[in-house]
Protein backbone atom coordinates (compact mmCIF):
# COMPACT_ATOMS: atom_id res chain seq x y z
CA MET A 1 -25.83 4.84 36.20
CA ARG A 2 -22.97 4.25 33.73
CA LEU A 3 -20.91 1.19 34.67
CA ILE A 4 -17.11 1.05 34.32
CA HIS A 5 -15.84 -1.52 31.83
CA PRO A 6 -13.93 -4.39 33.57
CA VAL A 7 -10.79 -3.59 31.55
CA LEU A 8 -10.76 -0.11 33.08
CA TYR A 9 -10.79 -1.64 36.57
CA VAL A 10 -7.60 -3.53 35.72
CA LEU A 11 -5.91 -0.42 34.32
CA LEU A 12 -6.90 1.72 37.31
CA ALA A 13 -5.76 -0.94 39.76
CA THR A 14 -2.38 -1.14 38.00
CA ALA A 15 -1.95 2.63 38.21
CA ILE A 16 -2.87 2.77 41.90
CA THR A 17 -0.71 -0.16 43.07
CA THR A 18 2.39 0.54 40.95
CA GLY A 19 2.26 4.28 40.48
CA THR A 20 2.70 3.77 36.73
CA PRO A 21 0.64 6.00 34.40
CA VAL A 22 -2.04 4.10 32.50
CA TYR A 23 -1.33 5.92 29.24
CA GLY A 24 1.79 7.63 27.91
CA GLN A 25 5.44 7.28 28.87
CA VAL A 26 7.37 8.23 31.96
CA ALA A 27 8.72 11.74 31.41
CA SER A 28 12.30 10.74 32.16
CA GLN A 29 12.37 8.14 29.36
CA PRO A 30 13.46 9.21 25.87
CA ALA A 31 10.76 9.20 23.21
CA ALA A 32 10.60 5.94 21.31
CA PRO A 33 11.21 6.07 17.56
CA ARG A 34 8.00 6.57 15.63
CA LYS A 35 7.07 5.21 12.20
CA TRP A 36 5.13 7.22 9.64
CA ALA A 37 3.85 6.36 6.14
CA LEU A 38 2.33 8.40 3.30
CA LEU A 39 0.95 6.16 0.55
CA VAL A 40 -0.23 7.37 -2.87
CA GLY A 41 -2.07 5.17 -5.40
CA VAL A 42 -3.77 6.28 -8.61
CA ASN A 43 -6.02 4.12 -10.82
CA SER A 44 -7.51 6.77 -13.12
CA TYR A 45 -6.45 10.22 -14.25
CA GLN A 46 -8.04 13.41 -15.53
CA ASN A 47 -5.71 13.46 -18.53
CA ARG A 48 -6.88 11.14 -21.31
CA ASN A 49 -3.29 10.34 -22.34
CA LEU A 50 -2.76 8.45 -19.06
CA VAL A 51 -4.49 5.08 -19.35
CA PRO A 52 -6.39 3.79 -16.29
CA LEU A 53 -4.87 1.15 -14.04
CA LYS A 54 -6.76 -1.49 -12.08
CA PHE A 55 -4.87 -2.18 -8.88
CA ALA A 56 -2.66 0.79 -7.96
CA GLU A 57 -5.11 2.01 -5.32
CA ARG A 58 -5.55 -1.47 -3.89
CA ASP A 59 -1.75 -1.69 -3.61
CA VAL A 60 -1.53 1.23 -1.20
CA THR A 61 -4.80 0.48 0.61
CA GLU A 62 -3.61 -3.01 1.55
CA LEU A 63 -0.14 -1.70 2.35
CA GLY A 64 -1.69 0.81 4.72
CA LYS A 65 -3.52 -1.94 6.62
CA VAL A 66 -0.33 -3.95 7.08
CA LEU A 67 1.71 -0.93 8.18
CA LYS A 68 -0.92 0.13 10.71
CA GLY A 69 -0.69 -3.32 12.22
CA GLY A 70 3.07 -2.81 12.38
CA GLY A 71 2.85 0.40 14.40
CA PHE A 72 2.94 3.01 11.62
CA GLU A 73 0.97 6.24 11.56
CA VAL A 74 -0.50 5.92 8.06
CA ARG A 75 -2.04 8.35 5.58
CA VAL A 76 -3.39 6.85 2.34
CA LEU A 77 -4.26 8.99 -0.70
CA THR A 78 -6.25 7.50 -3.57
CA GLY A 79 -8.47 8.75 -6.40
CA ASN A 80 -8.93 12.50 -6.65
CA GLN A 81 -7.23 12.91 -3.25
CA THR A 82 -3.92 12.36 -5.02
CA ILE A 83 -3.77 15.77 -6.67
CA ALA A 84 -0.27 17.20 -6.40
CA LYS A 85 -1.37 19.98 -4.02
CA LYS A 86 -3.02 17.55 -1.60
CA TYR A 87 0.03 15.27 -1.59
CA ARG A 88 2.34 18.20 -0.74
CA GLU A 89 0.04 19.35 2.06
CA GLU A 90 -0.08 15.89 3.63
CA LEU A 91 3.68 15.42 3.30
CA GLN A 92 4.41 18.77 4.96
CA LYS A 93 2.08 17.94 7.86
CA MET A 94 3.97 14.71 8.39
CA LEU A 95 7.46 16.18 7.97
CA LYS A 96 6.81 18.78 10.68
CA GLN A 97 6.30 15.99 13.23
CA LEU A 98 9.43 13.98 12.41
CA ASN A 99 12.73 13.85 14.27
CA ARG A 100 16.05 12.12 13.72
CA ASN A 101 14.89 8.95 15.49
CA ASP A 102 11.82 8.42 13.31
CA LEU A 103 11.18 6.29 10.24
CA LEU A 104 9.29 7.69 7.24
CA LEU A 105 7.98 5.50 4.42
CA LEU A 106 6.69 7.01 1.15
CA ALA A 107 5.02 4.73 -1.40
CA PHE A 108 3.81 5.57 -4.92
CA SER A 109 1.81 3.24 -7.17
CA GLY A 110 0.72 4.38 -10.62
CA HIS A 111 2.17 5.95 -13.76
CA GLY A 112 5.58 7.59 -14.05
CA VAL A 113 6.93 9.93 -16.72
CA GLN A 114 10.09 11.81 -17.60
CA VAL A 115 9.63 15.59 -17.89
CA ARG A 116 12.22 18.11 -19.07
CA VAL A 117 12.90 20.69 -16.35
CA ASP A 118 15.74 23.22 -16.72
CA ASN A 119 17.09 21.27 -19.69
CA LEU A 120 17.26 18.05 -17.67
CA GLU A 121 15.03 14.98 -17.88
CA GLN A 122 13.38 14.69 -14.45
CA PRO A 123 11.67 11.48 -13.24
CA CYS A 124 8.15 12.19 -11.98
CA PHE A 125 5.18 10.35 -10.51
CA CYS A 126 1.76 11.19 -11.97
CA PRO A 127 -0.96 12.24 -9.48
CA PHE A 128 -4.66 12.35 -10.39
CA ASP A 129 -4.42 15.80 -11.99
CA ALA A 130 -1.13 15.21 -13.83
CA VAL A 131 -0.53 16.89 -17.18
CA PRO A 132 2.42 15.07 -18.80
CA SER A 133 3.77 18.28 -20.34
CA ASP A 134 3.49 20.38 -17.14
CA PRO A 135 6.05 19.65 -14.38
CA SER A 136 4.09 21.73 -11.85
CA THR A 137 1.33 19.11 -11.87
CA MET A 138 3.75 16.25 -11.16
CA ILE A 139 5.42 14.83 -8.08
CA LEU A 140 9.08 15.27 -9.02
CA LEU A 141 11.41 12.70 -7.54
CA SER A 142 14.03 15.40 -7.10
CA GLY A 143 11.48 17.40 -5.10
CA VAL A 144 10.73 14.39 -2.88
CA LEU A 145 14.45 13.96 -2.14
CA LYS A 146 14.84 17.68 -1.46
CA ASP A 147 12.04 17.56 1.13
CA LEU A 148 13.61 14.53 2.79
CA ARG A 149 17.02 16.20 2.86
CA ASN A 150 15.64 19.40 4.42
CA GLN A 151 13.14 18.04 6.91
CA GLY A 152 12.92 14.24 6.70
CA ALA A 153 13.16 11.60 9.38
CA GLY A 154 16.30 9.83 10.54
CA THR A 155 15.49 7.06 8.05
CA ASN A 156 13.51 7.68 4.86
CA LEU A 157 12.33 4.85 2.63
CA VAL A 158 10.68 5.41 -0.77
CA LEU A 159 8.85 2.71 -2.75
CA VAL A 160 8.02 3.51 -6.40
CA ASP A 161 5.90 1.19 -8.56
CA ALA A 162 5.87 2.70 -12.05
CA CYS A 163 7.41 1.96 -15.44
CA ARG A 164 10.97 3.16 -16.06
CA ASP A 165 12.75 4.60 -19.05
CA ILE A 166 10.52 3.20 -21.80
CA SER A 167 11.30 4.83 -25.16
CA ASP A 168 8.44 6.63 -26.88
CA ALA A 169 9.43 8.02 -30.27
CA ASN A 170 6.12 9.86 -30.69
CA ARG A 171 6.58 11.84 -27.47
CA GLY A 172 10.30 12.41 -27.89
CA SER A 173 10.80 11.60 -24.20
CA ARG A 174 10.55 8.63 -21.88
CA SER A 175 7.31 7.55 -20.28
CA GLY A 176 8.86 5.92 -17.22
CA ILE A 177 10.95 6.85 -14.20
CA ASP A 178 14.70 6.61 -14.74
CA GLY A 179 16.06 5.86 -11.28
CA ASN A 180 19.62 5.72 -12.62
CA ARG A 181 19.55 9.51 -12.72
CA VAL A 182 18.97 9.85 -9.00
CA GLU A 183 21.79 12.02 -7.65
CA ASN A 184 22.83 13.34 -4.24
CA LEU A 185 20.74 10.87 -2.28
CA PRO A 186 20.33 12.27 1.26
CA GLU A 187 21.94 10.36 4.10
CA GLY A 188 19.58 7.89 5.73
CA THR A 189 17.50 7.53 2.53
CA ALA A 190 16.71 4.54 0.31
CA LEU A 191 14.76 4.30 -2.95
CA PHE A 192 13.29 0.98 -4.10
CA PHE A 193 11.96 0.89 -7.66
CA SER A 194 9.60 -1.81 -8.92
CA CYS A 195 11.71 -2.45 -12.02
CA SER A 196 15.07 -1.64 -13.57
CA SER A 197 15.92 0.77 -16.36
CA ARG A 198 14.01 0.16 -19.62
CA GLN A 199 11.58 -2.25 -17.98
CA ARG A 200 7.83 -2.19 -17.39
CA ALA A 201 6.05 -2.40 -14.06
CA MET A 202 3.20 -4.89 -14.43
CA GLU A 203 -0.05 -5.55 -12.60
CA THR A 204 -2.33 -8.57 -12.75
CA GLU A 205 -5.26 -10.34 -11.07
CA LYS A 206 -2.93 -13.27 -10.49
CA ALA A 207 -1.07 -11.27 -7.84
CA GLY A 208 -3.09 -11.90 -4.69
CA GLY A 209 -6.42 -11.25 -6.39
CA GLY A 210 -5.20 -8.01 -8.00
CA HIS A 211 -1.99 -6.07 -7.36
CA GLY A 212 1.08 -4.72 -9.02
CA VAL A 213 3.66 -7.50 -9.17
CA PHE A 214 5.98 -5.35 -7.03
CA PHE A 215 3.59 -4.46 -4.21
CA HIS A 216 2.22 -7.99 -4.13
CA SER A 217 5.68 -9.17 -3.06
CA VAL A 218 6.10 -6.22 -0.68
CA LEU A 219 2.86 -7.19 1.05
CA GLU A 220 3.86 -10.85 1.22
CA GLY A 221 7.15 -9.87 2.83
CA LEU A 222 5.62 -7.48 5.36
CA ARG A 223 3.00 -10.03 6.35
CA GLY A 224 5.77 -12.18 7.72
CA ASN A 225 7.16 -14.48 5.07
CA PRO A 226 9.93 -16.47 6.84
CA SER A 227 12.51 -15.13 4.37
CA THR A 228 11.95 -11.55 5.54
CA ARG A 229 12.27 -12.20 9.29
CA ASP A 230 15.43 -11.95 11.34
CA ASP A 231 16.32 -14.32 14.20
CA LYS A 232 13.89 -12.44 16.47
CA GLY A 233 11.04 -12.71 14.01
CA ASN A 234 11.15 -9.05 12.93
CA VAL A 235 10.75 -7.94 9.30
CA THR A 236 13.69 -5.71 8.37
CA TRP A 237 14.26 -3.46 5.36
CA GLY A 238 17.25 -5.44 4.13
CA ARG A 239 15.51 -8.80 4.24
CA LEU A 240 12.33 -7.35 2.74
CA THR A 241 14.07 -5.82 -0.29
CA ASN A 242 16.05 -8.99 -0.93
CA TYR A 243 12.87 -11.05 -0.85
CA VAL A 244 10.97 -8.65 -3.12
CA SER A 245 13.81 -8.54 -5.65
CA GLU A 246 13.78 -12.33 -5.91
CA ARG A 247 10.01 -12.82 -6.05
CA VAL A 248 9.16 -10.04 -8.51
CA GLY A 249 11.46 -11.39 -11.21
CA ALA A 250 10.19 -14.94 -10.77
CA ASN A 251 6.51 -13.92 -10.74
CA ALA A 252 6.81 -11.66 -13.80
CA ALA A 253 8.25 -14.53 -15.82
CA LEU A 254 5.59 -16.92 -14.50
CA TRP A 255 2.53 -14.71 -14.96
CA PHE A 256 3.31 -12.97 -18.23
CA ASN A 257 6.06 -14.28 -20.46
CA GLU A 258 9.34 -16.00 -19.75
CA ASN A 259 11.01 -13.21 -21.71
CA GLU A 260 9.24 -10.50 -19.69
CA ARG A 261 11.73 -9.16 -17.18
CA GLN A 262 10.89 -7.04 -14.16
CA VAL A 263 13.80 -6.70 -11.78
CA PRO A 264 13.44 -4.26 -8.84
CA HIS A 265 16.22 -1.71 -8.42
CA LYS A 266 17.43 -0.31 -5.08
CA VAL A 267 19.41 2.91 -4.52
CA GLU A 268 20.29 3.69 -0.93
CA ASN A 269 22.45 5.76 1.37
CA LEU A 270 21.73 4.10 4.71
CA THR A 271 24.44 4.49 7.34
CA LYS A 272 22.58 2.70 10.14
CA VAL A 273 21.46 -0.88 10.66
CA PRO A 274 18.57 -1.63 8.24
CA PRO A 275 15.47 -0.29 10.01
CA LEU A 276 12.76 -2.46 11.49
CA MET A 277 9.67 -2.49 9.29
CA VAL A 278 7.27 -4.71 11.24
CA ALA A 279 7.88 -6.19 14.69
CA ALA A 280 7.65 -9.92 15.37
CA SER A 281 4.12 -11.26 15.42
CA GLY A 282 2.34 -14.59 15.29
CA ALA A 283 1.52 -16.69 12.27
CA VAL A 284 2.04 -15.44 8.75
CA GLU A 285 -0.97 -13.42 7.65
CA LYS A 286 -2.65 -14.49 4.42
CA GLU A 287 -4.40 -12.02 2.16
CA LEU A 288 -7.84 -13.13 1.03
CA PRO A 289 -8.72 -12.37 -2.61
CA PRO A 290 -11.43 -9.75 -3.23
CA MET A 291 -15.02 -10.93 -3.56
CA ARG A 292 -16.52 -11.30 -7.03
CA PRO A 293 -19.67 -9.29 -7.99
CA ASP A 294 -21.89 -12.39 -7.75
CA GLN A 295 -20.59 -13.08 -4.24
CA LYS A 296 -21.31 -9.48 -3.22
CA LEU A 297 -24.91 -9.90 -4.39
CA ARG A 298 -25.26 -13.12 -2.39
CA LEU A 299 -23.80 -11.40 0.65
CA GLY A 300 -26.13 -8.40 0.30
CA GLY A 301 -29.18 -10.66 0.07
CA LYS A 302 -28.09 -12.73 3.06
CA LEU A 303 -27.39 -9.68 5.21
CA GLY A 304 -30.73 -8.11 4.32
CA GLY A 305 -32.58 -11.30 5.17
CA LEU A 306 -30.81 -11.69 8.51
CA LEU A 307 -31.47 -8.11 9.53
CA LYS A 308 -35.16 -8.34 8.60
CA LYS A 309 -35.52 -11.58 10.54
CA GLU A 310 -33.99 -10.14 13.73
CA LEU A 311 -36.18 -7.03 13.56
CA GLN A 312 -39.28 -9.20 13.16
CA LYS A 313 -38.25 -11.14 16.28
CA ASP A 314 -37.96 -7.88 18.17
CA LYS A 315 -41.48 -6.82 17.23
CA ALA A 316 -43.06 -10.25 17.85
CA ASP A 317 -41.69 -10.71 21.35
CA PRO A 318 -41.54 -7.59 23.59
CA ALA A 319 -39.43 -9.57 26.06
CA ILE A 320 -36.52 -9.63 23.61
CA ASP A 321 -34.08 -6.85 24.38
CA ARG A 322 -33.43 -4.76 21.26
CA LYS A 323 -29.68 -4.67 21.98
CA ASP A 324 -29.52 -8.47 22.27
CA ALA A 325 -31.43 -8.85 19.01
CA ILE A 326 -29.00 -6.57 17.18
CA LEU A 327 -25.99 -8.40 18.65
CA ASP A 328 -27.46 -11.77 17.63
CA GLY A 329 -27.99 -10.42 14.14
CA ALA A 330 -24.43 -9.10 14.01
CA ASP A 331 -23.04 -12.51 14.97
CA LYS A 332 -25.01 -14.17 12.19
CA ILE A 333 -23.93 -11.52 9.68
CA VAL A 334 -20.28 -12.13 10.55
CA ASP A 335 -20.80 -15.87 10.12
CA GLY A 336 -22.43 -15.22 6.75
CA VAL A 337 -19.53 -13.09 5.56
CA LEU A 338 -16.99 -15.71 6.62
CA ASN A 339 -18.94 -18.49 4.91
CA ILE A 340 -19.04 -16.58 1.63
CA ILE A 341 -15.34 -15.80 1.81
CA ARG A 342 -14.50 -19.42 2.55
CA ASP A 343 -16.68 -20.45 -0.38
CA GLN A 344 -14.56 -18.54 -2.89
CA PRO A 345 -12.76 -20.76 -5.40
CA GLY A 346 -9.29 -21.44 -4.14
CA ASN A 347 -10.25 -20.98 -0.48
CA ARG A 348 -12.22 -24.23 -0.18
CA PRO A 349 -10.24 -27.30 0.85
CA ASN A 350 -10.14 -29.98 -1.87
CA SER A 351 -12.19 -27.75 -4.13
CA ASP A 352 -13.35 -29.20 -7.43
CA ASN A 353 -14.11 -25.70 -8.68
CA PRO A 354 -10.77 -24.02 -9.46
CA ARG A 355 -10.37 -20.26 -9.59
CA PRO A 356 -11.32 -18.86 -13.01
CA LYS A 357 -8.33 -18.00 -15.14
CA PRO A 358 -7.81 -14.22 -14.78
CA LYS A 359 -7.12 -11.88 -17.65
CA GLU A 360 -3.58 -10.89 -18.44
CA GLY A 361 -2.13 -7.95 -16.53
CA LYS A 362 -1.77 -4.40 -17.74
CA SER A 363 1.47 -2.49 -17.95
CA ARG A 364 1.79 0.65 -15.86
CA ILE A 365 2.85 2.70 -18.84
CA GLN A 366 0.94 5.27 -20.81
CA PRO A 367 0.28 4.56 -24.52
CA LYS A 368 2.15 6.29 -27.28
CA ALA A 369 0.70 9.71 -27.99
CA LYS A 370 -0.82 10.26 -31.43
CA VAL A 371 0.97 12.88 -33.49
CA ALA A 372 -0.82 14.74 -36.25
CA ASP A 373 0.79 14.97 -39.67
CA ALA A 374 2.88 18.10 -40.00
CA GLY A 375 1.59 18.75 -43.49
């Protein structure tokens, strides 16, 4: 006989005594605004002229976790999932479900280029299968804005972490996204670029264990930094962008070179109160740095040993319930994971073993193309 979970008893009792449905909304109430997010991050590319990045995919993966916790319906594309065709398919699926009350967030982390289309330089984001000379393989910013104008949500927010307007004499065109050329921004839309015109978008291990400088600050703000919360404790778009603009410039100068400038740039046409990004929650969430390879090996050995030990207990004593043995093993595995995480340099209180100095960050800009001699 299958027993009913105690939580279900509470839900059923509530429905019977109050007449309120357990799931869903009362039909007479208007639908609450929904929040959607499509996140695209690319570390490596098919085209050899686009140099690999280290943390673009981690940017959007971590962003997706935070947004899910904030009530967003999230779709994350990384690696070879980021081909232009796949991105367009996922965006169209999402756009068909939106209405004027909804919030849509698009985020792009990777390389950007300028491509000439119809005699105009068009800013583009590079998906996995991008060919710098072929606009059809790119995600054109003008195309993104066109989709949002035709079928977007009531509020559309676009985050772009890529280099902007960097001169490249060998290519004869720019290898970054020039946001200053954004025209006819649809109503209810805002673009937030990781840097200003003629600046580089940087990434480094110093940013939360490995992020772009821009998305590191975005994540800090969304996780509930006091500067991004209103008087009710909610994280709003306006407070978030102000915080990110301040922190990115300061961190770029601190982590790279005091002469290295990275100043985020915002272009918006918002006619409503800045939208709510993440509702009020408890304490500020802290991101733990990723585990090092040696720590992963230690963890693997510890987990294997614990599992083997619990299985041996099960065989030695028939009175031990197999389910209980597995649960006991799971508890010990969790404890082992937490101990290893706490043991990372920088996480231990009063640690005498400081975090190793990370390597310098890499610019999110493709290298100058080699040009053969004409003769």
